[in-house]
PDB file of N, CA and C in Angstrom:
ATOM      1  N   UNK A   1     123.505 125.281  94.443  1.00  0.00           N
ATOM      2  CA  UNK A   1     124.626 124.881  95.581  1.00  0.00           C
ATOM      3  C   UNK A   1     125.690 123.735  94.921  1.00  0.00           C
ATOM      4  N   UNK A   2     126.700 124.033  95.020  1.00  0.00           N
ATOM      5  CA  UNK A   2     127.990 123.099  94.568  1.00  0.00           C
ATOM      6  C   UNK A   2     127.842 121.993  95.414  1.00  0.00           C
ATOM      7  N   UNK A   3     128.067 120.649  94.687  1.00  0.00           N
ATOM      8  CA  UNK A   3     127.881 119.415  95.346  1.00  0.00           C
ATOM      9  C   UNK A   3     129.323 119.366  96.084  1.00  0.00           C
ATOM     10  N   UNK A   4     129.301 118.607  97.145  1.00  0.00           N
ATOM     11  CA  UNK A   4     130.623 118.428  97.816  1.00  0.00           C
ATOM     12  C   UNK A   4     131.044 117.137  97.325  1.00  0.00           C
ATOM     13  N   UNK A   5     132.524 117.150  96.968  1.00  0.00           N
ATOM     14  CA  UNK A   5     133.124 115.872  96.537  1.00  0.00           C
ATOM     15  C   UNK A   5     133.567 115.166  97.830  1.00  0.00           C
ATOM     16  N   UNK A   6     134.018 113.911  97.555  1.00  0.00           N
ATOM     17  CA  UNK A   6     134.550 112.924  98.794  1.00  0.00           C
ATOM     18  C   UNK A   6     135.378 113.570  99.690  1.00  0.00           C
ATOM     19  N   UNK A   7     136.456 114.372  99.390  1.00  0.00           N
ATOM     20  CA  UNK A   7     137.345 115.033 100.133  1.00  0.00           C
ATOM     21  C   UNK A   7     136.756 115.955 101.211  1.00  0.00           C
ATOM     22  N   UNK A   8     135.562 116.561 100.654  1.00  0.00           N
ATOM     23  CA  UNK A   8     134.978 117.753 101.533  1.00  0.00           C
ATOM     24  C   UNK A   8     133.982 116.855 102.498  1.00  0.00           C
ATOM     25  N   UNK A   9     133.425 115.790 102.303  1.00  0.00           N
ATOM     26  CA  UNK A   9     132.592 115.357 103.443  1.00  0.00           C
ATOM     27  C   UNK A   9     133.353 114.877 104.676  1.00  0.00           C
ATOM     28  N   UNK A  10     132.709 115.108 105.564  1.00  0.00           N
ATOM     29  CA  UNK A  10     133.295 114.738 107.081  1.00  0.00           C
ATOM     30  C   UNK A  10     133.541 113.268 107.231  1.00  0.00           C
ATOM     31  N   UNK A  11     134.820 112.676 107.924  1.00  0.00           N
ATOM     32  CA  UNK A  11     134.849 111.372 108.225  1.00  0.00           C
ATOM     33  C   UNK A  11     133.507 110.676 108.735  1.00  0.00           C
ATOM     34  N   UNK A  12     133.329 109.840 108.270  1.00  0.00           N
ATOM     35  CA  UNK A  12     131.871 108.776 108.746  1.00  0.00           C
ATOM     36  C   UNK A  12     130.737 109.673 108.235  1.00  0.00           C
ATOM     37  N   UNK A  13     130.902 110.532 107.191  1.00  0.00           N
ATOM     38  CA  UNK A  13     129.554 111.337 106.675  1.00  0.00           C
ATOM     39  C   UNK A  13     128.920 111.979 107.591  1.00  0.00           C
ATOM     40  N   UNK A  14     129.428 112.423 108.884  1.00  0.00           N
ATOM     41  CA  UNK A  14     128.840 112.987 109.800  1.00  0.00           C
ATOM     42  C   UNK A  14     127.796 114.254 109.477  1.00  0.00           C
ATOM     43  N   UNK A  15     126.724 114.571 109.997  1.00  0.00           N
ATOM     44  CA  UNK A  15     126.029 115.777 109.570  1.00  0.00           C
ATOM     45  C   UNK A  15     126.400 116.745 110.815  1.00  0.00           C
ATOM     46  N   UNK A  16     127.650 118.024 110.563  1.00  0.00           N
ATOM     47  CA  UNK A  16     127.951 118.681 111.589  1.00  0.00           C
ATOM     48  C   UNK A  16     126.781 119.938 111.864  1.00  0.00           C
ATOM     49  N   UNK A  17     126.042 120.212 110.911  1.00  0.00           N
ATOM     50  CA  UNK A  17     124.972 121.380 111.192  1.00  0.00           C
ATOM     51  C   UNK A  17     123.662 120.801 110.991  1.00  0.00           C
ATOM     52  N   UNK A  18     122.931 121.451 112.068  1.00  0.00           N
ATOM     53  CA  UNK A  18     121.583 121.158 112.134  1.00  0.00           C
ATOM     54  C   UNK A  18     120.816 121.476 110.581  1.00  0.00           C
ATOM     55  N   UNK A  19     120.129 120.545 109.992  1.00  0.00           N
ATOM     56  CA  UNK A  19     119.175 121.132 109.152  1.00  0.00           C
ATOM     57  C   UNK A  19     119.968 120.870 107.634  1.00  0.00           C
ATOM     58  N   UNK A  20     121.010 120.492 107.846  1.00  0.00           N
ATOM     59  CA  UNK A  20     121.967 120.390 106.328  1.00  0.00           C
ATOM     60  C   UNK A  20     121.808 118.991 105.620  1.00  0.00           C
ATOM     61  N   UNK A  21     121.303 118.177 106.280  1.00  0.00           N
ATOM     62  CA  UNK A  21     121.092 116.687 105.597  1.00  0.00           C
ATOM     63  C   UNK A  21     120.627 116.784 104.164  1.00  0.00           C
ATOM     64  N   UNK A  22     119.846 117.732 103.728  1.00  0.00           N
ATOM     65  CA  UNK A  22     119.281 117.668 102.322  1.00  0.00           C
ATOM     66  C   UNK A  22     120.394 117.913 101.461  1.00  0.00           C
ATOM     67  N   UNK A  23     121.564 118.647 102.103  1.00  0.00           N
ATOM     68  CA  UNK A  23     122.611 119.189 101.147  1.00  0.00           C
ATOM     69  C   UNK A  23     123.185 117.741 100.607  1.00  0.00           C
ATOM     70  N   UNK A  24     123.246 116.512 101.177  1.00  0.00           N
ATOM     71  CA  UNK A  24     123.794 115.141 100.812  1.00  0.00           C
ATOM     72  C   UNK A  24     122.972 114.481 100.102  1.00  0.00           C
ATOM     73  N   UNK A  25     123.070 114.219  98.727  1.00  0.00           N
ATOM     74  CA  UNK A  25     122.383 113.449  97.985  1.00  0.00           C
ATOM     75  C   UNK A  25     122.687 112.095  98.084  1.00  0.00           C
ATOM     76  N   UNK A  26     121.985 111.139  98.925  1.00  0.00           N
ATOM     77  CA  UNK A  26     122.460 110.055  99.419  1.00  0.00           C
ATOM     78  C   UNK A  26     121.663 108.652  98.690  1.00  0.00           C
ATOM     79  N   UNK A  27     120.932 109.405  97.403  1.00  0.00           N
ATOM     80  CA  UNK A  27     120.212 108.291  96.756  1.00  0.00           C
ATOM     81  C   UNK A  27     121.019 107.523  95.973  1.00  0.00           C
ATOM     82  N   UNK A  28     122.462 108.013  95.680  1.00  0.00           N
ATOM     83  CA  UNK A  28     123.223 107.274  94.994  1.00  0.00           C
ATOM     84  C   UNK A  28     123.763 105.933  95.560  1.00  0.00           C
ATOM     85  N   UNK A  29     123.346 105.616  96.850  1.00  0.00           N
ATOM     86  CA  UNK A  29     123.925 104.440  97.773  1.00  0.00           C
ATOM     87  C   UNK A  29     122.750 103.234  97.099  1.00  0.00           C
ATOM     88  N   UNK A  30     121.885 103.403  96.664  1.00  0.00           N
ATOM     89  CA  UNK A  30     120.862 102.524  96.202  1.00  0.00           C
ATOM     90  C   UNK A  30     121.362 101.297  95.289  1.00  0.00           C
ATOM     91  N   UNK A  31     120.607 100.236  95.664  1.00  0.00           N
ATOM     92  CA  UNK A  31     120.704  99.129  94.825  1.00  0.00           C
ATOM     93  C   UNK A  31     119.339  98.669  94.102  1.00  0.00           C
ATOM     94  N   UNK A  32     118.556  98.901  94.990  1.00  0.00           N
ATOM     95  CA  UNK A  32     116.929  98.819  94.473  1.00  0.00           C
ATOM     96  C   UNK A  32     116.232 100.334  94.807  1.00  0.00           C
ATOM     97  N   UNK A  33     115.338 100.436  94.022  1.00  0.00           N
ATOM     98  CA  UNK A  33     114.582 101.834  93.977  1.00  0.00           C
ATOM     99  C   UNK A  33     113.104 101.361  94.135  1.00  0.00           C
ATOM    100  N   UNK A  34     112.193 102.170  94.989  1.00  0.00           N
ATOM    101  CA  UNK A  34     110.827 102.088  94.913  1.00  0.00           C
ATOM    102  C   UNK A  34     110.211 102.524  94.015  1.00  0.00           C
ATOM    103  N   UNK A  35     109.650 101.770  93.104  1.00  0.00           N
ATOM    104  CA  UNK A  35     108.385 102.439  92.051  1.00  0.00           C
ATOM    105  C   UNK A  35     106.999 102.303  92.650  1.00  0.00           C
ATOM    106  N   UNK A  36     106.504 103.810  92.515  1.00  0.00           N
ATOM    107  CA  UNK A  36     105.121 103.775  92.862  1.00  0.00           C
ATOM    108  C   UNK A  36     104.225 103.843  91.660  1.00  0.00           C
ATOM    109  N   UNK A  37     102.886 103.184  92.056  1.00  0.00           N
ATOM    110  CA  UNK A  37     101.799 102.849  91.065  1.00  0.00           C
ATOM    111  C   UNK A  37     100.876 103.929  91.697  1.00  0.00           C
ATOM    112  N   UNK A  38     100.376 104.976  90.804  1.00  0.00           N
ATOM    113  CA  UNK A  38      99.649 105.923  91.310  1.00  0.00           C
ATOM    114  C   UNK A  38      97.972 105.362  91.539  1.00  0.00           C
ATOM    115  N   UNK A  39      97.889 104.468  90.611  1.00  0.00           N
ATOM    116  CA  UNK A  39      96.504 103.532  90.405  1.00  0.00           C
ATOM    117  C   UNK A  39      96.130 102.749  91.296  1.00  0.00           C
ATOM    118  N   UNK A  40      97.402 102.236  91.995  1.00  0.00           N
ATOM    119  CA  UNK A  40      96.850 100.999  93.296  1.00  0.00           C
ATOM    120  C   UNK A  40      96.958 102.154  94.591  1.00  0.00           C
ATOM    121  N   UNK A  41      97.482 103.203  94.743  1.00  0.00           N
ATOM    122  CA  UNK A  41      97.755 103.964  95.989  1.00  0.00           C
ATOM    123  C   UNK A  41      96.461 104.404  96.360  1.00  0.00           C
ATOM    124  N   UNK A  42      96.078 104.354  97.750  1.00  0.00           N
ATOM    125  CA  UNK A  42      94.972 104.961  98.438  1.00  0.00           C
ATOM    126  C   UNK A  42      95.419 106.225  99.282  1.00  0.00           C
ATOM    127  N   UNK A  43      96.419 106.518  99.319  1.00  0.00           N
ATOM    128  CA  UNK A  43      97.001 107.807  99.888  1.00  0.00           C
ATOM    129  C   UNK A  43      96.936 107.570 101.531  1.00  0.00           C
ATOM    130  N   UNK A  44      97.157 106.506 101.981  1.00  0.00           N
ATOM    131  CA  UNK A  44      97.013 106.047 103.590  1.00  0.00           C
ATOM    132  C   UNK A  44      98.354 106.821 104.241  1.00  0.00           C
ATOM    133  N   UNK A  45      99.285 107.386 103.474  1.00  0.00           N
ATOM    134  CA  UNK A  45     100.478 107.680 104.140  1.00  0.00           C
ATOM    135  C   UNK A  45     101.268 106.885 105.126  1.00  0.00           C
ATOM    136  N   UNK A  46     101.048 105.591 104.973  1.00  0.00           N
ATOM    137  CA  UNK A  46     101.963 104.677 105.718  1.00  0.00           C
ATOM    138  C   UNK A  46     103.281 104.838 105.361  1.00  0.00           C
ATOM    139  N   UNK A  47     103.649 104.929 103.966  1.00  0.00           N
ATOM    140  CA  UNK A  47     105.067 104.852 103.478  1.00  0.00           C
ATOM    141  C   UNK A  47     105.511 106.189 103.925  1.00  0.00           C
ATOM    142  N   UNK A  48     104.845 107.174 103.986  1.00  0.00           N
ATOM    143  CA  UNK A  48     105.415 108.584 104.277  1.00  0.00           C
ATOM    144  C   UNK A  48     105.791 108.534 105.913  1.00  0.00           C
ATOM    145  N   UNK A  49     104.828 108.020 106.715  1.00  0.00           N
ATOM    146  CA  UNK A  49     105.285 107.812 108.133  1.00  0.00           C
ATOM    147  C   UNK A  49     106.002 107.108 108.382  1.00  0.00           C
ATOM    148  N   UNK A  50     106.479 106.016 107.578  1.00  0.00           N
ATOM    149  CA  UNK A  50     107.513 105.167 107.999  1.00  0.00           C
ATOM    150  C   UNK A  50     108.837 105.184 107.244  1.00  0.00           C
ATOM    151  N   UNK A  51     109.079 106.005 106.229  1.00  0.00           N
ATOM    152  CA  UNK A  51     110.160 106.565 105.673  1.00  0.00           C
ATOM    153  C   UNK A  51     111.200 107.010 106.460  1.00  0.00           C
ATOM    154  N   UNK A  52     112.583 106.358 106.692  1.00  0.00           N
ATOM    155  CA  UNK A  52     113.487 106.957 107.609  1.00  0.00           C
ATOM    156  C   UNK A  52     114.299 108.239 106.659  1.00  0.00           C
ATOM    157  N   UNK A  53     114.103 108.359 105.467  1.00  0.00           N
ATOM    158  CA  UNK A  53     114.671 109.448 104.844  1.00  0.00           C
ATOM    159  C   UNK A  53     113.900 110.643 104.268  1.00  0.00           C
ATOM    160  N   UNK A  54     112.321 110.495 104.809  1.00  0.00           N
ATOM    161  CA  UNK A  54     111.604 111.498 104.532  1.00  0.00           C
ATOM    162  C   UNK A  54     111.701 111.811 102.897  1.00  0.00           C
ATOM    163  N   UNK A  55     111.501 110.663 102.150  1.00  0.00           N
ATOM    164  CA  UNK A  55     111.635 110.643 100.682  1.00  0.00           C
ATOM    165  C   UNK A  55     110.148 110.602 100.054  1.00  0.00           C
ATOM    166  N   UNK A  56     109.278 110.364 100.661  1.00  0.00           N
ATOM    167  CA  UNK A  56     107.696 110.285 100.162  1.00  0.00           C
ATOM    168  C   UNK A  56     107.564 111.562 100.114  1.00  0.00           C
ATOM    169  N   UNK A  57     106.980 112.065  98.868  1.00  0.00           N
ATOM    170  CA  UNK A  57     106.432 113.525  98.539  1.00  0.00           C
ATOM    171  C   UNK A  57     104.935 113.393  98.600  1.00  0.00           C
ATOM    172  N   UNK A  58     104.720 114.623  99.523  1.00  0.00           N
ATOM    173  CA  UNK A  58     103.244 114.740  99.422  1.00  0.00           C
ATOM    174  C   UNK A  58     102.815 115.993  99.184  1.00  0.00           C
ATOM    175  N   UNK A  59     101.579 116.121  98.453  1.00  0.00           N
ATOM    176  CA  UNK A  59     101.377 117.648  98.022  1.00  0.00           C
ATOM    177  C   UNK A  59      99.629 117.679  98.277  1.00  0.00           C
ATOM    178  N   UNK A  60      98.883 118.390  98.700  1.00  0.00           N
ATOM    179  CA  UNK A  60      97.451 118.537  98.869  1.00  0.00           C
ATOM    180  C   UNK A  60      96.840 117.158  99.420  1.00  0.00           C
ATOM    181  N   UNK A  61      97.436 116.753 100.455  1.00  0.00           N
ATOM    182  CA  UNK A  61      96.944 115.380 101.114  1.00  0.00           C
ATOM    183  C   UNK A  61      96.927 114.207 100.095  1.00  0.00           C
ATOM    184  N   UNK A  62      97.900 114.268  99.342  1.00  0.00           N
ATOM    185  CA  UNK A  62      98.293 112.732  98.274  1.00  0.00           C
ATOM    186  C   UNK A  62      99.645 112.826  98.150  1.00  0.00           C
ATOM    187  N   UNK A  63     100.000 111.634  98.289  1.00  0.00           N
ATOM    188  CA  UNK A  63     101.404 111.126  97.560  1.00  0.00           C
ATOM    189  C   UNK A  63     101.602 111.611  96.150  1.00  0.00           C
ATOM    190  N   UNK A  64     102.748 112.174  95.968  1.00  0.00           N
ATOM    191  CA  UNK A  64     102.893 112.590  94.698  1.00  0.00           C
ATOM    192  C   UNK A  64     104.098 112.133  94.009  1.00  0.00           C
ATOM    193  N   UNK A  65     104.991 111.542  94.717  1.00  0.00           N
ATOM    194  CA  UNK A  65     106.255 110.647  94.253  1.00  0.00           C
ATOM    195  C   UNK A  65     107.155 110.406  95.088  1.00  0.00           C
ATOM    196  N   UNK A  66     108.348 110.038  94.868  1.00  0.00           N
ATOM    197  CA  UNK A  66     109.627 109.634  95.467  1.00  0.00           C
ATOM    198  C   UNK A  66     110.589 110.459  95.328  1.00  0.00           C
ATOM    199  N   UNK A  67     111.327 111.216  96.481  1.00  0.00           N
ATOM    200  CA  UNK A  67     112.616 111.753  96.226  1.00  0.00           C
ATOM    201  C   UNK A  67     113.747 111.024  96.202  1.00  0.00           C
ATOM    202  N   UNK A  68     114.089 110.712  94.873  1.00  0.00           N
ATOM    203  CA  UNK A  68     115.170 109.731  94.417  1.00  0.00           C
ATOM    204  C   UNK A  68     116.495 110.350  94.937  1.00  0.00           C
ATOM    205  N   UNK A  69     116.653 111.837  95.093  1.00  0.00           N
ATOM    206  CA  UNK A  69     117.855 112.040  95.639  1.00  0.00           C
ATOM    207  C   UNK A  69     118.393 111.931  96.892  1.00  0.00           C
ATOM    208  N   UNK A  70     117.478 111.565  97.798  1.00  0.00           N
ATOM    209  CA  UNK A  70     117.576 111.022  99.140  1.00  0.00           C
ATOM    210  C   UNK A  70     117.098 109.620  99.473  1.00  0.00           C
ATOM    211  N   UNK A  71     116.295 109.045  98.815  1.00  0.00           N
ATOM    212  CA  UNK A  71     115.942 107.650  99.025  1.00  0.00           C
ATOM    213  C   UNK A  71     117.291 106.701  99.033  1.00  0.00           C
ATOM    214  N   UNK A  72     117.333 105.945 100.094  1.00  0.00           N
ATOM    215  CA  UNK A  72     118.519 105.137  99.754  1.00  0.00           C
ATOM    216  C   UNK A  72     118.052 103.490  99.558  1.00  0.00           C
ATOM    217  N   UNK A  73     116.652 103.282  99.370  1.00  0.00           N
ATOM    218  CA  UNK A  73     116.244 102.198  98.672  1.00  0.00           C
ATOM    219  C   UNK A  73     116.065 100.891  99.875  1.00  0.00           C
ATOM    220  N   UNK A  74     115.787 101.682 101.046  1.00  0.00           N
ATOM    221  CA  UNK A  74     115.462 100.598 102.221  1.00  0.00           C
ATOM    222  C   UNK A  74     114.535  99.289 102.007  1.00  0.00           C
ATOM    223  N   UNK A  75     113.298  99.979 101.320  1.00  0.00           N
ATOM    224  CA  UNK A  75     112.350  99.098 100.952  1.00  0.00           C
ATOM    225  C   UNK A  75     111.273  99.021 101.915  1.00  0.00           C
ATOM    226  N   UNK A  76     111.151  99.879 102.965  1.00  0.00           N
ATOM    227  CA  UNK A  76     110.348 100.023 103.970  1.00  0.00           C
ATOM    228  C   UNK A  76     109.009 100.548 103.589  1.00  0.00           C
ATOM    229  N   UNK A  77     108.975 101.418 102.625  1.00  0.00           N
ATOM    230  CA  UNK A  77     107.771 101.658 102.090  1.00  0.00           C
ATOM    231  C   UNK A  77     107.233 100.898 101.291  1.00  0.00           C
ATOM    232  N   UNK A  78     107.747  99.880 100.562  1.00  0.00           N
ATOM    233  CA  UNK A  78     107.099  98.845  99.849  1.00  0.00           C
ATOM    234  C   UNK A  78     106.650  98.019 100.732  1.00  0.00           C
ATOM    235  N   UNK A  79     107.268  97.495 101.966  1.00  0.00           N
ATOM    236  CA  UNK A  79     106.746  96.470 102.862  1.00  0.00           C
ATOM    237  C   UNK A  79     105.512  96.894 103.627  1.00  0.00           C
ATOM    238  N   UNK A  80     105.635  98.223 103.805  1.00  0.00           N
ATOM    239  CA  UNK A  80     104.510  98.619 104.717  1.00  0.00           C
ATOM    240  C   UNK A  80     103.293  98.930 104.069  1.00  0.00           C
ATOM    241  N   UNK A  81     103.063  99.076 102.775  1.00  0.00           N
ATOM    242  CA  UNK A  81     102.238  99.690 101.863  1.00  0.00           C
ATOM    243  C   UNK A  81     101.120  98.598 101.975  1.00  0.00           C
ATOM    244  N   UNK A  82      99.804  98.748 102.349  1.00  0.00           N
ATOM    245  CA  UNK A  82      98.758  97.972 102.424  1.00  0.00           C
ATOM    246  C   UNK A  82      98.177  97.446 100.782  1.00  0.00           C
ATOM    247  N   UNK A  83      98.565  98.299  99.884  1.00  0.00           N
ATOM    248  CA  UNK A  83      97.840  97.774  98.621  1.00  0.00           C
ATOM    249  C   UNK A  83      98.883  97.547  97.479  1.00  0.00           C
ATOM    250  N   UNK A  84     100.050  97.229  97.986  1.00  0.00           N
ATOM    251  CA  UNK A  84     101.318  97.207  96.960  1.00  0.00           C
ATOM    252  C   UNK A  84     101.461  98.003  96.110  1.00  0.00           C
ATOM    253  N   UNK A  85     101.226  99.224  96.267  1.00  0.00           N
ATOM    254  CA  UNK A  85     101.468 100.405  95.297  1.00  0.00           C
ATOM    255  C   UNK A  85     102.784 100.916  95.163  1.00  0.00           C
ATOM    256  N   UNK A  86     103.862 100.243  95.849  1.00  0.00           N
ATOM    257  CA  UNK A  86     105.303 100.487  96.105  1.00  0.00           C
ATOM    258  C   UNK A  86     105.825  99.036  95.765  1.00  0.00           C
ATOM    259  N   UNK A  87     106.747  99.136  94.611  1.00  0.00           N
ATOM    260  CA  UNK A  87     107.474  97.903  94.349  1.00  0.00           C
ATOM    261  C   UNK A  87     108.859  98.273  94.215  1.00  0.00           C
ATOM    262  N   UNK A  88     109.697  97.426  94.647  1.00  0.00           N
ATOM    263  CA  UNK A  88     111.239  97.525  94.684  1.00  0.00           C
ATOM    264  C   UNK A  88     111.846  96.989  93.489  1.00  0.00           C
ATOM    265  N   UNK A  89     112.466  97.902  92.540  1.00  0.00           N
ATOM    266  CA  UNK A  89     112.945  97.089  91.541  1.00  0.00           C
ATOM    267  C   UNK A  89     114.412  97.326  91.400  1.00  0.00           C
ATOM    268  N   UNK A  90     115.363  96.614  90.755  1.00  0.00           N
ATOM    269  CA  UNK A  90     116.795  96.668  90.677  1.00  0.00           C
ATOM    270  C   UNK A  90     116.930  98.321  89.928  1.00  0.00           C
ATOM    271  N   UNK A  91     117.801  98.809  90.604  1.00  0.00           N
ATOM    272  CA  UNK A  91     118.351 100.222  90.147  1.00  0.00           C
ATOM    273  C   UNK A  91     119.244 100.076  89.015  1.00  0.00           C
ATOM    274  N   UNK A  92     118.862 100.985  88.052  1.00  0.00           N
ATOM    275  CA  UNK A  92     119.563 101.065  86.560  1.00  0.00           C
ATOM    276  C   UNK A  92     120.198 102.411  86.655  1.00  0.00           C
ATOM    277  N   UNK A  93     121.545 102.260  86.122  1.00  0.00           N
ATOM    278  CA  UNK A  93     122.289 103.845  86.461  1.00  0.00           C
ATOM    279  C   UNK A  93     123.142 103.796  85.080  1.00  0.00           C
TER     280      UNK A  93
END
């Protein structure tokens, strides 16, 4: 699928059709990105339950990573993690 340029996105970045939010890669907005430590993670899914962007990836009842295409870097996952398995680090582009 071809990505939309800034002229093709509706004013205010509105999502006009149901279910099309995945077409917009909003991860470029980040200043900080979450980095996940698999060794510290207890797979409690607190990060998944609280992520406003559904950017926590789960497979076979385990966290498997972060969807950086859609993660905006809000830091909720890092703040909520009981084992400090997610750390916010400066985004490098």
